[in-house]
Amino acid sequence: MSTENEGTAVPPAPSAPPVPVESPAASPQATAPEAPTTQLPPVPPSAPGAPEAAPAYAGQVPAYASASAPDAPQGAGLGPEAAAWPPPPPPAVPSYMDGASGGGGGDTGAGAPWGATYDQQPPKPKSGRGGLIAAVLVAALVAGGAGGGLGYTLAKDNDDSTTSTTVSAAQQTGGDLKRDAGTVAGVAAKALPSTVTIEAESSSGEGGTGTGFVFDTQGHIVTNNHVVADAVDGGKLTATFPDGKKYDAEVVGHAQGYDVAVIKLKNAPSNLQPLTLGDSDKVAVGDSTIAIGAPFGLSNTVTTGIISAKNRPVASSDGSASSKASYMSALQTDASINPGNSGGPLLDAAGNVIGINSAIQSSSSGGLGTGQSGSIGLGFAIPINQAKYVAQQLIKTGKPVYAKIGASVALTEGTGGAQISQKTADTTDPVESGGPAAAAGLKPGDVITKLDDHVIDSGPTLIGEIWTHKPGDKVQITYERDGKSKTVELTLGSRVGDS
């Protein structure tokens, strides 16, 4: 699965015009319309429902945008109504809704209405402000906290008017809104500070981006092997937290077969908060999921979905010529996972880590984990129970420990199970002498069809299931020989390191 992610610069948003306080853009519940912000034609004076003719305000700021109107000097030539204060009662249609206002700016020329590029028709229920809302929301996305200031300014300006019915700025912005810990927003707020964006670079300058999460208070970060593979031999590795703090890191250990790695921050801060690990064995299909990562380099991205399936056999690789396949009995989720999410946590609804996001089904190549195609709703995560054991071994010894049955199996599909090879490429015995399989009576040519209660349909499926166990675990193996089925118990052996 590729971890190379190039971010694309986002063009700056156009300046947004002032917004009436009543505009939906100033409300937390407002949403940006999907329609483009095309220019709306001005309303003919004779159109039904059109407001009474009003003078053009070429080059002037509408009344609602100026807080100093009461103190403005009376210019020469102004009529008695214009010079009088307080002003007469407002018209039935506010000035900012007539044909002489709207939004926009720039020079419009003499006689042209102010903000002519945003001219709108008379107000109708839930219509007429699409372009304005879109422009303001785009500006808010770019400016971030500027929206709060804008809302306060408009409220203040309108408070100087005798017709103002504006509520306080705090009520409009929703700044005091508290979210429950069990909501997606609550879970994300707690988990994000404990996730990092990892950048790995080889000694030749090649590399990519992935994700990791805090495993303990000593500065250990868990991620995927393929995320840090470029930095294993003399490369450069950094981890950046959501607050922008970046730390150099080093690889403590990596397991290619499991696709799990542990790195350690150099000069790690003392306030690290490890994410809580859940129990992936208790996960059920339909459970809610939350994925955190840096898809295509977009750090701190949160997506949601459900557990679509469990024990999904997955064999993946990063597509490089030197890469060997990784095998997992994966949690499948439809939470959006893309290149760059690799190594990030898959959380349950309570914020517990239940898996490590590792691979996606690629529509472009038909394979798992390769290419730069986006999510099609088929993401796969290493169950955290397995990843936790692997990480602990890597921290302890720097090397992975694999469970094994002591037999070589064919990796081809369509055999109706995992067939023990008749011979191996390196001329070694396909059934290890004195190993667990030999002790249980298995022979070359036997087809393993079940491990405990899990159906085995191929060699990769068997490997993935075996690796969910620890060396020393006892398992039930069902196999077929000469058309007859038999079940035996064996004790799993161990293999240290990647071979």
Protein backbone atom coordinates (compact mmCIF):
# COMPACT_ATOMS: atom_id res chain seq x y z
CA MET A 1 0.00 0.00 0.00
CA SER A 2 1.62 3.22 -1.07
CA THR A 3 2.53 5.79 1.54
CA GLU A 4 3.74 8.47 -0.83
CA ASN A 5 1.44 11.44 -0.51
CA GLU A 6 1.79 14.77 -2.16
CA GLY A 7 -0.37 17.58 -0.85
CA THR A 8 -1.88 19.95 -3.38
CA ALA A 9 -1.91 23.63 -2.57
CA VAL A 10 -5.37 25.06 -2.03
CA PRO A 11 -5.99 28.34 -3.88
CA PRO A 12 -6.97 31.23 -1.62
CA ALA A 13 -10.68 31.87 -1.28
CA PRO A 14 -12.17 35.09 -2.64
CA SER A 15 -12.94 37.83 -0.18
CA ALA A 16 -16.38 37.48 1.32
CA PRO A 17 -18.79 40.42 1.49
CA PRO A 18 -20.30 41.57 4.76
CA VAL A 19 -23.11 39.35 5.90
CA PRO A 20 -26.37 40.36 7.56
CA VAL A 21 -26.64 39.04 11.08
CA GLU A 22 -29.70 37.09 10.11
CA SER A 23 -27.74 35.32 7.33
CA PRO A 24 -27.51 31.55 7.77
CA ALA A 25 -23.73 31.84 7.39
CA ALA A 26 -23.55 33.33 10.88
CA SER A 27 -25.36 30.37 12.39
CA PRO A 28 -23.63 27.17 13.53
CA GLN A 29 -26.35 25.17 11.84
CA ALA A 30 -25.77 26.69 8.39
CA THR A 31 -24.34 24.48 5.69
CA ALA A 32 -22.73 25.50 2.43
CA PRO A 33 -24.91 24.89 -0.62
CA GLU A 34 -23.49 22.71 -3.33
CA ALA A 35 -24.67 24.98 -6.15
CA PRO A 36 -22.04 27.27 -7.72
CA THR A 37 -22.12 30.92 -6.75
CA THR A 38 -23.26 32.27 -10.07
CA GLN A 39 -24.42 35.85 -10.46
CA LEU A 40 -28.13 36.41 -9.94
CA PRO A 41 -29.91 38.95 -12.15
CA PRO A 42 -31.28 42.12 -10.52
CA VAL A 43 -35.00 42.28 -9.83
CA PRO A 44 -36.94 44.46 -12.28
CA PRO A 45 -38.83 47.21 -10.42
CA SER A 46 -42.05 45.99 -11.96
CA ALA A 47 -41.64 42.37 -10.92
CA PRO A 48 -44.27 41.02 -8.54
CA GLY A 49 -43.14 41.32 -4.96
CA ALA A 50 -40.20 43.58 -5.85
CA PRO A 51 -39.29 46.20 -3.24
CA GLU A 52 -39.95 49.83 -3.87
CA ALA A 53 -37.33 51.60 -5.92
CA ALA A 54 -34.35 52.61 -3.82
CA PRO A 55 -31.47 54.90 -4.74
CA ALA A 56 -28.26 53.26 -5.96
CA TYR A 57 -25.39 53.26 -3.47
CA ALA A 58 -22.44 53.31 -5.87
CA GLY A 59 -19.25 53.18 -3.89
CA GLN A 60 -21.09 53.47 -0.56
CA VAL A 61 -21.27 50.98 2.29
CA PRO A 62 -24.79 49.81 3.17
CA ALA A 63 -26.23 51.08 6.42
CA TYR A 64 -25.95 47.73 8.16
CA ALA A 65 -22.19 47.61 7.60
CA SER A 66 -21.45 50.96 9.21
CA ALA A 67 -21.56 51.52 12.96
CA SER A 68 -20.96 55.25 12.63
CA ALA A 69 -24.13 56.20 10.74
CA PRO A 70 -25.64 58.15 13.64
CA ASP A 71 -22.56 60.35 13.91
CA ALA A 72 -22.04 60.89 10.21
CA PRO A 73 -21.93 64.61 9.18
CA GLN A 74 -24.79 65.90 7.15
CA GLY A 75 -23.48 66.63 3.68
CA ALA A 76 -24.51 69.58 1.61
CA GLY A 77 -27.56 69.05 -0.52
CA LEU A 78 -29.03 66.31 1.63
CA GLY A 79 -32.82 66.34 1.97
CA PRO A 80 -34.55 66.89 5.28
CA GLU A 81 -35.23 63.18 5.69
CA ALA A 82 -31.54 62.37 5.20
CA ALA A 83 -30.44 65.06 7.65
CA ALA A 84 -32.90 64.14 10.39
CA TRP A 85 -31.99 61.96 13.31
CA PRO A 86 -33.29 59.58 14.51
CA PRO A 87 -34.11 58.21 11.07
CA PRO A 88 -37.65 57.24 10.08
CA PRO A 89 -38.79 53.66 10.72
CA PRO A 90 -37.16 51.09 8.45
CA PRO A 91 -38.97 49.86 5.32
CA ALA A 92 -40.76 46.50 5.33
CA VAL A 93 -37.80 45.02 3.42
CA PRO A 94 -34.39 45.70 5.05
CA SER A 95 -31.99 47.73 2.96
CA TYR A 96 -29.53 44.91 2.68
CA MET A 97 -32.13 42.80 0.87
CA ASP A 98 -33.05 45.30 -1.83
CA GLY A 99 -31.63 45.51 -5.28
CA ALA A 100 -28.91 47.89 -4.17
CA SER A 101 -27.08 45.48 -1.93
CA GLY A 102 -26.11 41.87 -1.57
CA GLY A 103 -22.45 41.19 -1.13
CA GLY A 104 -19.38 41.59 -3.20
CA GLY A 105 -17.27 44.64 -3.58
CA GLY A 106 -14.88 46.33 -5.90
CA ASP A 107 -15.54 49.25 -8.14
CA THR A 108 -18.89 49.09 -9.86
CA GLY A 109 -18.90 52.40 -11.68
CA ALA A 110 -21.10 55.42 -11.23
CA GLY A 111 -24.77 54.65 -10.93
CA ALA A 112 -24.21 50.94 -10.46
CA PRO A 113 -25.70 49.33 -7.33
CA TRP A 114 -23.27 48.48 -4.54
CA GLY A 115 -22.32 44.82 -4.72
CA ALA A 116 -23.98 44.39 -8.11
CA THR A 117 -22.17 41.10 -8.68
CA TYR A 118 -24.20 39.63 -5.85
CA ASP A 119 -27.58 41.14 -6.78
CA GLN A 120 -30.45 38.98 -5.61
CA GLN A 121 -34.18 38.72 -6.03
CA PRO A 122 -36.61 39.68 -3.26
CA PRO A 123 -36.36 37.31 -0.30
CA LYS A 124 -38.23 34.06 -0.47
CA PRO A 125 -38.32 31.35 2.17
CA LYS A 126 -35.00 29.39 2.26
CA SER A 127 -33.71 30.84 -1.02
CA GLY A 128 -31.88 33.76 -2.51
CA ARG A 129 -28.61 33.61 -0.51
CA GLY A 130 -26.85 30.59 -1.97
CA GLY A 131 -23.94 32.47 -3.48
CA LEU A 132 -23.44 34.61 -0.40
CA ILE A 133 -23.44 31.65 1.97
CA ALA A 134 -20.99 29.71 -0.18
CA ALA A 135 -18.59 32.64 -0.39
CA VAL A 136 -18.68 33.25 3.34
CA LEU A 137 -18.20 29.58 4.21
CA VAL A 138 -15.23 29.26 1.88
CA ALA A 139 -13.68 32.31 3.48
CA ALA A 140 -14.35 30.88 6.92
CA LEU A 141 -12.62 27.62 6.00
CA VAL A 142 -9.54 29.53 4.89
CA ALA A 143 -9.54 32.11 7.67
CA GLY A 144 -10.34 29.71 10.49
CA GLY A 145 -11.22 31.72 13.56
CA ALA A 146 -11.97 34.87 11.58
CA GLY A 147 -15.62 33.87 11.44
CA GLY A 148 -16.10 34.60 15.13
CA GLY A 149 -14.74 38.10 14.73
CA LEU A 150 -16.93 38.75 11.72
CA GLY A 151 -20.02 37.62 13.61
CA TYR A 152 -19.15 39.90 16.53
CA THR A 153 -18.57 42.89 14.26
CA LEU A 154 -21.89 42.49 12.52
CA ALA A 155 -23.68 42.10 15.83
CA LYS A 156 -22.03 45.25 17.17
CA ASP A 157 -22.91 47.25 14.08
CA ASN A 158 -26.53 46.23 14.22
CA ASP A 159 -26.74 46.91 17.96
CA ASP A 160 -26.29 50.57 17.07
CA SER A 161 -29.46 50.44 15.00
CA THR A 162 -32.90 51.00 16.48
CA THR A 163 -34.20 47.94 14.65
CA SER A 164 -31.58 45.46 15.84
CA THR A 165 -32.82 42.12 17.18
CA THR A 166 -29.37 40.53 17.16
CA VAL A 167 -28.52 37.94 19.81
CA SER A 168 -25.11 37.91 21.45
CA ALA A 169 -22.05 36.81 19.50
CA ALA A 170 -21.41 33.95 21.89
CA GLN A 171 -24.83 32.49 21.15
CA GLN A 172 -24.30 32.77 17.42
CA THR A 173 -20.83 31.20 17.22
CA GLY A 174 -21.60 28.28 19.54
CA GLY A 175 -18.18 28.64 21.12
CA ASP A 176 -19.42 27.29 24.44
CA LEU A 177 -20.89 24.11 22.93
CA LYS A 178 -19.76 21.04 24.87
CA ARG A 179 -19.69 17.68 23.15
CA ASP A 180 -20.19 14.41 24.95
CA ALA A 181 -17.20 12.10 25.18
CA GLY A 182 -19.07 9.40 23.28
CA THR A 183 -19.71 11.51 20.16
CA VAL A 184 -17.41 11.33 17.15
CA ALA A 185 -16.28 14.89 17.89
CA GLY A 186 -15.58 13.97 21.51
CA VAL A 187 -13.62 10.85 20.57
CA ALA A 188 -11.62 12.73 17.94
CA ALA A 189 -10.80 15.58 20.32
CA LYS A 190 -9.35 13.11 22.82
CA ALA A 191 -7.53 10.86 20.33
CA LEU A 192 -6.03 13.38 17.92
CA PRO A 193 -3.37 14.72 20.34
CA SER A 194 -2.03 11.15 20.61
CA THR A 195 -1.62 10.58 16.87
CA VAL A 196 1.31 11.61 14.70
CA THR A 197 2.04 12.10 11.03
CA ILE A 198 5.17 10.14 10.13
CA GLU A 199 7.57 11.13 7.37
CA ALA A 200 10.13 8.52 6.37
CA GLU A 201 13.00 9.20 3.98
CA SER A 202 15.67 6.81 2.76
CA SER A 203 19.33 7.69 2.43
CA SER A 204 18.70 8.24 -1.29
CA GLY A 205 15.91 10.74 -0.64
CA GLU A 206 12.94 8.50 -1.37
CA GLY A 207 10.13 8.20 1.12
CA GLY A 208 6.54 8.81 2.01
CA THR A 209 4.01 9.75 4.65
CA GLY A 210 1.99 7.66 7.07
CA THR A 211 0.44 7.77 10.51
CA GLY A 212 1.14 6.38 13.98
CA PHE A 213 -0.17 6.63 17.51
CA VAL A 214 1.30 6.90 21.01
CA PHE A 215 1.77 3.44 22.55
CA ASP A 216 3.32 4.35 25.91
CA THR A 217 4.68 7.27 27.92
CA GLN A 218 8.28 6.43 26.99
CA GLY A 219 7.79 7.77 23.44
CA HIS A 220 7.09 4.55 21.54
CA ILE A 221 4.86 5.02 18.48
CA VAL A 222 3.13 2.10 16.73
CA THR A 223 2.68 2.19 12.96
CA ASN A 224 2.95 -0.03 9.86
CA ASN A 225 6.21 -1.57 8.70
CA HIS A 226 5.67 -0.25 5.19
CA VAL A 227 5.36 3.30 6.53
CA VAL A 228 8.90 3.33 7.98
CA ALA A 229 10.60 0.82 5.67
CA ASP A 230 12.45 3.56 3.76
CA ALA A 231 14.09 4.82 6.95
CA VAL A 232 15.22 1.46 8.35
CA ASP A 233 18.75 1.51 6.93
CA GLY A 234 20.27 4.92 7.56
CA GLY A 235 17.22 6.96 6.60
CA LYS A 236 15.52 9.90 8.28
CA LEU A 237 12.34 9.65 10.33
CA THR A 238 10.17 12.36 11.88
CA ALA A 239 6.86 12.38 13.75
CA THR A 240 4.65 15.48 13.91
CA PHE A 241 1.82 15.97 16.40
CA PRO A 242 -1.37 17.89 15.59
CA ASP A 243 -0.07 20.92 17.53
CA GLY A 244 2.79 21.17 15.02
CA LYS A 245 5.55 19.88 17.29
CA LYS A 246 7.93 17.68 15.31
CA TYR A 247 10.33 15.10 16.71
CA ASP A 248 13.10 13.07 15.16
CA ALA A 249 12.57 9.35 15.65
CA GLU A 250 14.30 6.02 15.18
CA VAL A 251 13.05 2.55 14.30
CA VAL A 252 13.02 0.27 17.35
CA GLY A 253 11.87 -2.81 15.45
CA HIS A 254 9.79 -3.81 12.46
CA ALA A 255 7.95 -6.94 11.36
CA GLN A 256 7.46 -7.27 7.63
CA GLY A 257 5.18 -10.29 7.85
CA TYR A 258 2.85 -8.64 10.38
CA ASP A 259 3.30 -5.18 8.77
CA VAL A 260 3.82 -3.68 12.22
CA ALA A 261 6.64 -1.38 13.35
CA VAL A 262 7.57 0.57 16.46
CA ILE A 263 9.50 3.82 16.40
CA LYS A 264 10.68 5.92 19.34
CA LEU A 265 10.71 9.69 19.60
CA LYS A 266 14.04 11.32 20.39
CA ASN A 267 13.73 13.72 23.32
CA ALA A 268 10.12 12.63 23.80
CA PRO A 269 7.92 15.02 25.79
CA SER A 270 6.91 14.04 29.31
CA ASN A 271 3.18 14.58 28.78
CA LEU A 272 2.48 11.86 26.23
CA GLN A 273 -0.99 10.31 26.49
CA PRO A 274 -1.09 6.73 25.10
CA LEU A 275 -4.31 5.74 23.38
CA THR A 276 -6.38 3.15 25.20
CA LEU A 277 -6.24 -0.27 23.55
CA GLY A 278 -9.51 -2.14 23.10
CA ASP A 279 -10.23 -5.85 22.59
CA SER A 280 -10.46 -6.67 18.88
CA ASP A 281 -11.80 -10.15 19.66
CA LYS A 282 -14.99 -8.57 21.03
CA VAL A 283 -15.64 -6.39 17.98
CA ALA A 284 -18.88 -7.17 16.16
CA VAL A 285 -19.95 -6.54 12.58
CA GLY A 286 -21.91 -3.30 12.53
CA ASP A 287 -19.93 -1.64 15.34
CA SER A 288 -19.07 2.02 14.68
CA THR A 289 -15.50 2.86 13.67
CA ILE A 290 -13.44 6.04 13.58
CA ALA A 291 -10.24 6.23 11.52
CA ILE A 292 -7.55 8.87 12.04
CA GLY A 293 -4.70 9.50 9.65
CA ALA A 294 -3.03 11.63 7.00
CA PRO A 295 -4.67 10.58 3.69
CA PHE A 296 -2.63 11.91 0.78
CA GLY A 297 -0.65 13.97 3.30
CA LEU A 298 -3.69 15.69 4.86
CA SER A 299 -2.75 15.26 8.50
CA ASN A 300 -5.24 14.82 11.35
CA THR A 301 -8.10 13.64 9.13
CA VAL A 302 -11.00 11.87 10.86
CA THR A 303 -13.43 9.57 9.04
CA THR A 304 -16.16 7.26 10.26
CA GLY A 305 -17.81 3.99 9.28
CA ILE A 306 -18.62 0.56 10.67
CA ILE A 307 -17.03 -2.85 10.97
CA SER A 308 -18.07 -4.45 7.69
CA ALA A 309 -16.54 -7.88 8.32
CA LYS A 310 -14.15 -9.73 10.63
CA ASN A 311 -11.37 -12.24 9.97
CA ARG A 312 -10.98 -11.07 6.40
CA PRO A 313 -7.89 -12.77 4.91
CA VAL A 314 -5.66 -10.12 3.39
CA ALA A 315 -2.24 -10.39 1.79
CA SER A 316 -0.73 -6.99 1.04
CA SER A 317 2.54 -5.36 0.09
CA ASP A 318 3.80 -1.89 -0.73
CA GLY A 319 4.35 -2.87 -4.36
CA SER A 320 8.15 -2.56 -4.34
CA ALA A 321 10.30 -5.23 -5.91
CA SER A 322 12.00 -6.08 -2.62
CA SER A 323 8.82 -6.17 -0.58
CA LYS A 324 7.46 -9.42 0.78
CA ALA A 325 3.77 -9.90 1.42
CA SER A 326 2.18 -9.26 4.78
CA TYR A 327 -0.65 -11.49 5.95
CA MET A 328 -3.47 -10.59 8.28
CA SER A 329 -6.86 -11.78 9.39
CA ALA A 330 -8.18 -8.26 9.13
CA LEU A 331 -10.99 -6.13 10.42
CA GLN A 332 -12.79 -4.74 7.39
CA THR A 333 -14.26 -1.23 7.60
CA ASP A 334 -15.98 1.18 5.25
CA ALA A 335 -14.49 4.20 7.04
CA SER A 336 -12.61 6.14 4.37
CA ILE A 337 -8.98 4.97 4.36
CA ASN A 338 -6.51 6.22 1.77
CA PRO A 339 -2.75 6.21 1.18
CA GLY A 340 -1.31 8.04 4.18
CA ASN A 341 -3.80 6.54 6.64
CA SER A 342 -1.46 3.56 7.01
CA GLY A 343 -0.39 3.00 10.59
CA GLY A 344 -3.13 5.14 12.06
CA PRO A 345 -5.57 3.95 14.70
CA LEU A 346 -8.97 2.46 13.98
CA LEU A 347 -11.10 3.34 17.01
CA ASP A 348 -14.38 2.05 18.36
CA ALA A 349 -17.21 4.37 19.44
CA ALA A 350 -15.64 4.77 22.88
CA GLY A 351 -12.26 5.83 21.47
CA ASN A 352 -10.43 2.55 22.12
CA VAL A 353 -7.96 1.34 19.49
CA ILE A 354 -9.28 -1.83 17.88
CA GLY A 355 -6.96 -1.98 14.87
CA ILE A 356 -4.16 -0.43 12.82
CA ASN A 357 -5.27 0.82 9.40
CA SER A 358 -3.07 -0.97 6.91
CA ALA A 359 -4.50 -1.68 3.46
CA ILE A 360 -7.26 -0.81 1.03
CA GLN A 361 -8.82 -2.55 -1.92
CA SER A 362 -7.51 -0.69 -4.96
CA SER A 363 -10.01 -0.28 -7.78
CA SER A 364 -7.28 0.79 -10.20
CA SER A 365 -5.18 -2.33 -9.96
CA GLY A 366 -7.53 -4.85 -8.42
CA GLY A 367 -4.92 -5.52 -5.76
CA LEU A 368 -4.66 -4.78 -2.08
CA GLY A 369 -2.61 -1.91 -0.80
CA THR A 370 -0.91 -0.74 -3.99
CA GLY A 371 -1.31 2.36 -6.13
CA GLN A 372 -2.59 5.81 -5.26
CA SER A 373 -6.29 5.24 -5.84
CA GLY A 374 -8.71 6.49 -3.24
CA SER A 375 -11.09 4.75 -0.89
CA ILE A 376 -13.88 2.62 -2.32
CA GLY A 377 -15.16 1.67 1.11
CA LEU A 378 -12.97 -1.42 1.54
CA GLY A 379 -10.35 -0.76 4.19
CA PHE A 380 -8.49 -3.33 6.29
CA ALA A 381 -6.95 -3.05 9.74
CA ILE A 382 -4.66 -5.33 11.75
CA PRO A 383 -6.57 -6.40 14.89
CA ILE A 384 -5.09 -4.61 17.90
CA ASN A 385 -4.78 -7.80 19.98
CA GLN A 386 -2.29 -9.10 17.42
CA ALA A 387 -0.56 -5.74 16.94
CA LYS A 388 -0.15 -5.25 20.70
CA TYR A 389 1.69 -8.57 21.06
CA VAL A 390 3.94 -7.76 18.09
CA ALA A 391 4.71 -4.26 19.38
CA GLN A 392 5.64 -5.57 22.82
CA GLN A 393 8.04 -8.09 21.26
CA LEU A 394 9.63 -5.39 19.09
CA ILE A 395 10.13 -3.10 22.09
CA LYS A 396 11.57 -5.96 24.15
CA THR A 397 13.93 -7.57 21.62
CA GLY A 398 13.78 -5.50 18.43
CA LYS A 399 12.69 -8.58 16.48
CA PRO A 400 9.29 -10.07 15.67
CA VAL A 401 8.23 -13.52 16.84
CA TYR A 402 5.89 -15.51 14.59
CA ALA A 403 3.73 -18.48 15.49
CA LYS A 404 4.06 -21.42 13.09
CA ILE A 405 2.82 -24.96 12.47
CA GLY A 406 6.09 -26.15 10.95
CA ALA A 407 4.83 -26.83 7.43
CA SER A 408 5.05 -25.04 4.08
CA VAL A 409 1.77 -24.43 2.24
CA ALA A 410 0.96 -23.42 -1.31
CA LEU A 411 -0.02 -19.76 -1.76
CA THR A 412 -2.26 -20.41 -4.76
CA GLU A 413 -6.00 -19.88 -4.70
CA GLY A 414 -8.73 -22.34 -5.58
CA THR A 415 -7.35 -25.35 -3.76
CA GLY A 416 -10.31 -25.55 -1.37
CA GLY A 417 -7.97 -25.04 1.56
CA ALA A 418 -4.29 -24.67 2.41
CA GLN A 419 -2.42 -27.53 0.80
CA ILE A 420 0.84 -28.61 2.40
CA SER A 421 3.47 -28.45 -0.34
CA GLN A 422 4.86 -31.62 -1.87
CA LYS A 423 8.27 -29.97 -2.11
CA THR A 424 9.83 -26.58 -1.43
CA ALA A 425 11.88 -24.26 -3.57
CA ASP A 426 14.92 -24.55 -1.29
CA THR A 427 14.72 -28.36 -1.16
CA THR A 428 13.91 -28.38 2.56
CA ASP A 429 11.26 -30.75 3.85
CA PRO A 430 7.77 -29.19 3.49
CA VAL A 431 6.92 -30.63 6.91
CA GLU A 432 9.56 -29.66 9.45
CA SER A 433 11.01 -32.69 11.18
CA GLY A 434 10.01 -32.68 14.84
CA GLY A 435 7.86 -29.62 14.32
CA PRO A 436 4.21 -29.12 15.42
CA ALA A 437 2.69 -30.37 12.13
CA ALA A 438 4.87 -33.48 12.08
CA ALA A 439 4.03 -34.21 15.70
CA ALA A 440 0.31 -33.98 14.84
CA GLY A 441 0.71 -36.42 11.93
CA LEU A 442 0.35 -33.97 9.01
CA LYS A 443 2.02 -34.90 5.71
CA PRO A 444 2.81 -33.26 2.35
CA GLY A 445 -0.31 -33.08 0.19
CA ASP A 446 -2.74 -32.75 3.14
CA VAL A 447 -5.27 -29.94 2.68
CA ILE A 448 -6.02 -27.93 5.82
CA THR A 449 -9.63 -26.75 5.76
CA LYS A 450 -10.15 -25.32 9.26
CA LEU A 451 -8.17 -23.81 12.11
CA ASP A 452 -10.35 -23.95 15.22
CA ASP A 453 -13.72 -22.74 13.92
CA HIS A 454 -12.30 -20.57 11.11
CA VAL A 455 -12.70 -21.89 7.56
CA ILE A 456 -9.42 -22.01 5.65
CA ASP A 457 -9.76 -21.57 1.89
CA SER A 458 -6.11 -20.89 0.91
CA GLY A 459 -2.54 -20.75 2.13
CA PRO A 460 -2.59 -16.97 2.82
CA THR A 461 -5.76 -17.42 4.88
CA LEU A 462 -4.06 -20.08 7.02
CA ILE A 463 -0.98 -17.91 7.57
CA GLY A 464 -3.10 -14.93 8.57
CA GLU A 465 -5.05 -17.03 11.08
CA ILE A 466 -1.94 -18.64 12.56
CA TRP A 467 -0.38 -15.20 13.10
CA THR A 468 -3.33 -14.07 15.20
CA HIS A 469 -2.06 -16.57 17.78
CA LYS A 470 1.03 -16.66 19.95
CA PRO A 471 3.67 -19.39 20.04
CA GLY A 472 2.59 -22.06 22.51
CA ASP A 473 -1.12 -21.69 21.80
CA LYS A 474 -2.99 -24.94 21.20
CA VAL A 475 -5.20 -25.03 18.10
CA GLN A 476 -7.45 -27.53 16.35
CA ILE A 477 -6.47 -28.33 12.75
CA THR A 478 -8.95 -29.98 10.39
CA TYR A 479 -7.44 -31.46 7.22
CA GLU A 480 -8.35 -33.75 4.35
CA ARG A 481 -6.33 -36.69 3.05
CA ASP A 482 -7.48 -39.18 0.44
CA GLY A 483 -11.02 -37.79 0.62
CA LYS A 484 -11.29 -38.24 4.36
CA SER A 485 -11.43 -35.43 6.95
CA LYS A 486 -9.65 -35.53 10.29
CA THR A 487 -9.13 -33.05 13.15
CA VAL A 488 -6.00 -32.97 15.31
CA GLU A 489 -4.66 -30.69 18.04
CA LEU A 490 -1.24 -29.15 17.78
CA THR A 491 0.83 -26.65 19.77
CA LEU A 492 2.13 -23.74 17.72
CA GLY A 493 5.87 -23.30 17.46
CA SER A 494 7.82 -20.04 17.01
CA ARG A 495 10.08 -18.34 14.52
CA VAL A 496 12.15 -15.28 15.39
CA GLY A 497 12.72 -12.55 12.82
CA ASP A 498 11.71 -12.06 9.20
CA SER A 499 13.10 -14.70 6.85
